[in-house]
Protein backbone atom coordinates (compact mmCIF):
# COMPACT_ATOMS: atom_id res chain seq x y z
CA MET A 1 31.57 7.99 4.42
CA SER A 2 28.60 6.93 7.26
CA VAL A 3 24.81 6.71 6.25
CA ASP A 4 22.41 8.81 8.54
CA SER A 5 20.43 6.01 9.65
CA SER A 6 17.53 8.06 10.37
CA LEU A 7 17.02 7.43 6.70
CA LEU A 8 16.67 3.94 6.98
CA LYS A 9 13.98 3.81 9.12
CA TYR A 10 10.84 5.18 9.04
CA ASP A 11 7.30 4.89 11.01
CA MET A 12 4.62 5.53 8.52
CA GLY A 13 1.96 5.19 10.75
CA ILE A 14 0.04 2.94 7.74
CA LYS A 15 -3.17 1.28 9.46
CA PHE A 16 -5.71 -1.08 7.41
CA GLY A 17 -9.74 -1.18 8.90
CA GLY A 18 -7.76 0.82 12.31
CA VAL A 19 -5.09 -2.26 12.81
CA SER A 20 -1.39 -0.36 12.66
CA ILE A 21 0.55 -2.25 9.87
CA PRO A 22 4.43 -2.43 9.93
CA ASP A 23 6.49 -0.69 7.24
CA PRO A 24 6.16 -2.54 4.13
CA ALA A 25 9.45 -2.83 2.24
CA GLU A 26 8.27 -0.96 -0.97
CA TRP A 27 4.87 0.97 -1.47
CA ASP A 28 4.75 2.78 -4.71
CA PRO A 29 1.12 4.74 -5.00
CA GLN A 30 -0.47 5.40 -8.62
CA ILE A 31 -1.92 8.69 -8.92
CA ALA A 32 -5.30 8.76 -11.06
CA ASP A 33 -7.35 11.51 -11.78
CA VAL A 34 -11.37 11.24 -12.06
CA ASP A 35 -13.47 13.15 -14.62
CA GLU A 36 -17.22 13.65 -15.15
CA SER A 37 -16.86 14.52 -18.69
CA ALA A 38 -13.28 14.81 -21.29
CA GLU A 39 -13.84 14.86 -25.09
CA ARG A 40 -11.71 16.04 -28.07
CA ASP A 41 -13.25 18.65 -30.38
CA GLY A 42 -12.32 18.66 -33.98
CA GLU A 43 -8.97 19.90 -33.53
CA ALA A 44 -8.06 17.22 -31.24
CA VAL A 45 -7.74 19.85 -28.09
CA LEU A 46 -8.85 17.84 -25.31
CA HIS A 47 -12.00 19.45 -23.29
CA ARG A 48 -12.11 17.59 -19.73
CA SER A 49 -13.91 18.39 -16.55
CA LYS A 50 -11.69 16.81 -13.50
CA ILE A 51 -13.67 15.94 -10.69
CA GLY A 52 -10.88 14.36 -8.19
CA GLN A 53 -7.98 12.12 -7.94
CA LYS A 54 -7.35 8.46 -6.20
CA ILE A 55 -4.69 7.04 -4.75
CA ASN A 56 -4.27 3.32 -5.14
CA TYR A 57 -1.46 1.74 -3.58
CA SER A 58 0.91 -1.34 -4.26
CA PHE A 59 2.89 -3.06 -1.11
CA LYS A 60 5.11 -5.23 -0.61
CA TRP A 61 6.59 -6.86 2.18
CA LYS A 62 9.11 -9.12 2.97
CA CYS A 63 10.17 -12.18 5.22
CA LEU A 64 7.40 -11.84 7.73
CA SER A 65 6.38 -14.33 10.05
CA TRP A 66 3.16 -16.02 9.52
CA GLU A 67 1.27 -13.85 12.42
CA THR A 68 2.28 -10.77 11.37
CA MET A 69 1.56 -12.03 7.77
CA ALA A 70 -1.91 -13.39 9.03
CA THR A 71 -2.79 -10.09 10.72
CA ILE A 72 -2.10 -7.86 7.84
CA LEU A 73 -4.53 -10.41 5.59
CA ASN A 74 -6.84 -10.35 8.23
CA ALA A 75 -6.67 -6.05 8.54
CA VAL A 76 -7.81 -6.21 4.73
CA ASN A 77 -10.12 -9.08 4.52
CA ALA A 78 -13.52 -6.80 4.68
CA GLU A 79 -15.13 -5.49 1.39
CA LYS A 80 -13.91 -1.96 2.15
CA PHE A 81 -11.96 -0.60 4.99
CA THR A 82 -10.05 2.01 5.78
CA ALA A 83 -6.58 2.58 5.11
CA VAL A 84 -4.59 5.31 6.66
CA THR A 85 -1.35 5.49 4.19
CA PRO A 86 1.79 7.71 3.05
CA ASN A 87 1.02 10.66 1.36
CA PRO A 88 2.60 10.97 -1.44
CA TYR A 89 2.17 14.84 -1.86
CA VAL A 90 3.49 15.77 1.57
CA PHE A 91 6.49 14.62 3.37
CA ASN A 92 6.33 11.92 6.12
CA GLY A 93 2.36 13.12 5.79
CA THR A 94 -0.40 10.71 6.23
CA ARG A 95 -3.75 10.38 4.12
CA SER A 96 -7.06 8.20 4.79
CA GLY A 97 -9.29 6.94 2.41
CA GLU A 98 -11.56 4.20 1.90
CA TYR A 99 -10.68 0.97 0.05
CA TYR A 100 -11.17 -2.84 -0.89
CA ALA A 101 -7.78 -4.65 -1.55
CA GLY A 102 -6.75 -6.39 -4.77
CA ASN A 103 -5.35 -10.06 -5.10
CA ARG A 104 -3.28 -11.18 -2.22
CA GLU A 105 0.15 -13.03 -3.38
CA ALA A 106 2.06 -14.90 -0.32
CA LYS A 107 5.62 -16.11 -1.05
CA THR A 108 6.79 -18.94 1.21
CA GLN A 109 10.43 -19.18 2.15
CA TYR A 110 11.99 -21.36 4.40
CA TYR A 111 14.80 -20.96 6.77
CA TRP A 112 16.54 -22.85 9.63
CA ILE A 113 16.71 -20.79 12.81
CA ASN A 114 18.36 -22.56 16.25
CA SER A 115 18.05 -26.03 14.58
CA GLU A 116 14.62 -25.47 13.86
CA GLU A 117 12.60 -24.70 10.30
CA VAL A 118 11.11 -21.17 10.15
CA ALA A 119 8.77 -20.12 7.63
CA ARG A 120 8.76 -16.43 6.97
CA PHE A 121 6.41 -14.98 3.68
CA ASP A 122 6.70 -11.73 1.38
CA LEU A 123 3.27 -10.67 1.26
CA SER A 124 1.85 -8.44 -2.01
CA PHE A 125 -1.33 -6.70 -2.88
CA ASN A 126 -2.95 -3.54 -4.17
CA ILE A 127 -5.64 -1.14 -1.98
CA ILE A 128 -7.83 0.66 -4.54
CA GLU A 129 -9.81 3.64 -3.56
CA PHE A 130 -13.20 3.75 -3.20
């Protein structure tokens, strides 16, 4: 059985602060409704006034070079940045918004390539929509 190779490669079009970012190994959207007010009445029925929706993301990249990791980290280092992200509601679609980055974690791994020790990094962090 053969695998359709088009299923294995994407170009998600992710950008942080105008910088094109390589596709992550994992991207996990968290969708949250925002209410102006929400109260339960005496019969425990919820009455809410939804005013919007925010989509936050967890991203993880694997085996990045130091240079690529630095590019990604510098792109999200501002207090606030515009992000173009995959749109979970639209197949192959994107959306943009204003975000800030949560804690960033980089795990270091060392490899021997052509008799030279080379560092590679697994990078992960969340972006939170304003």
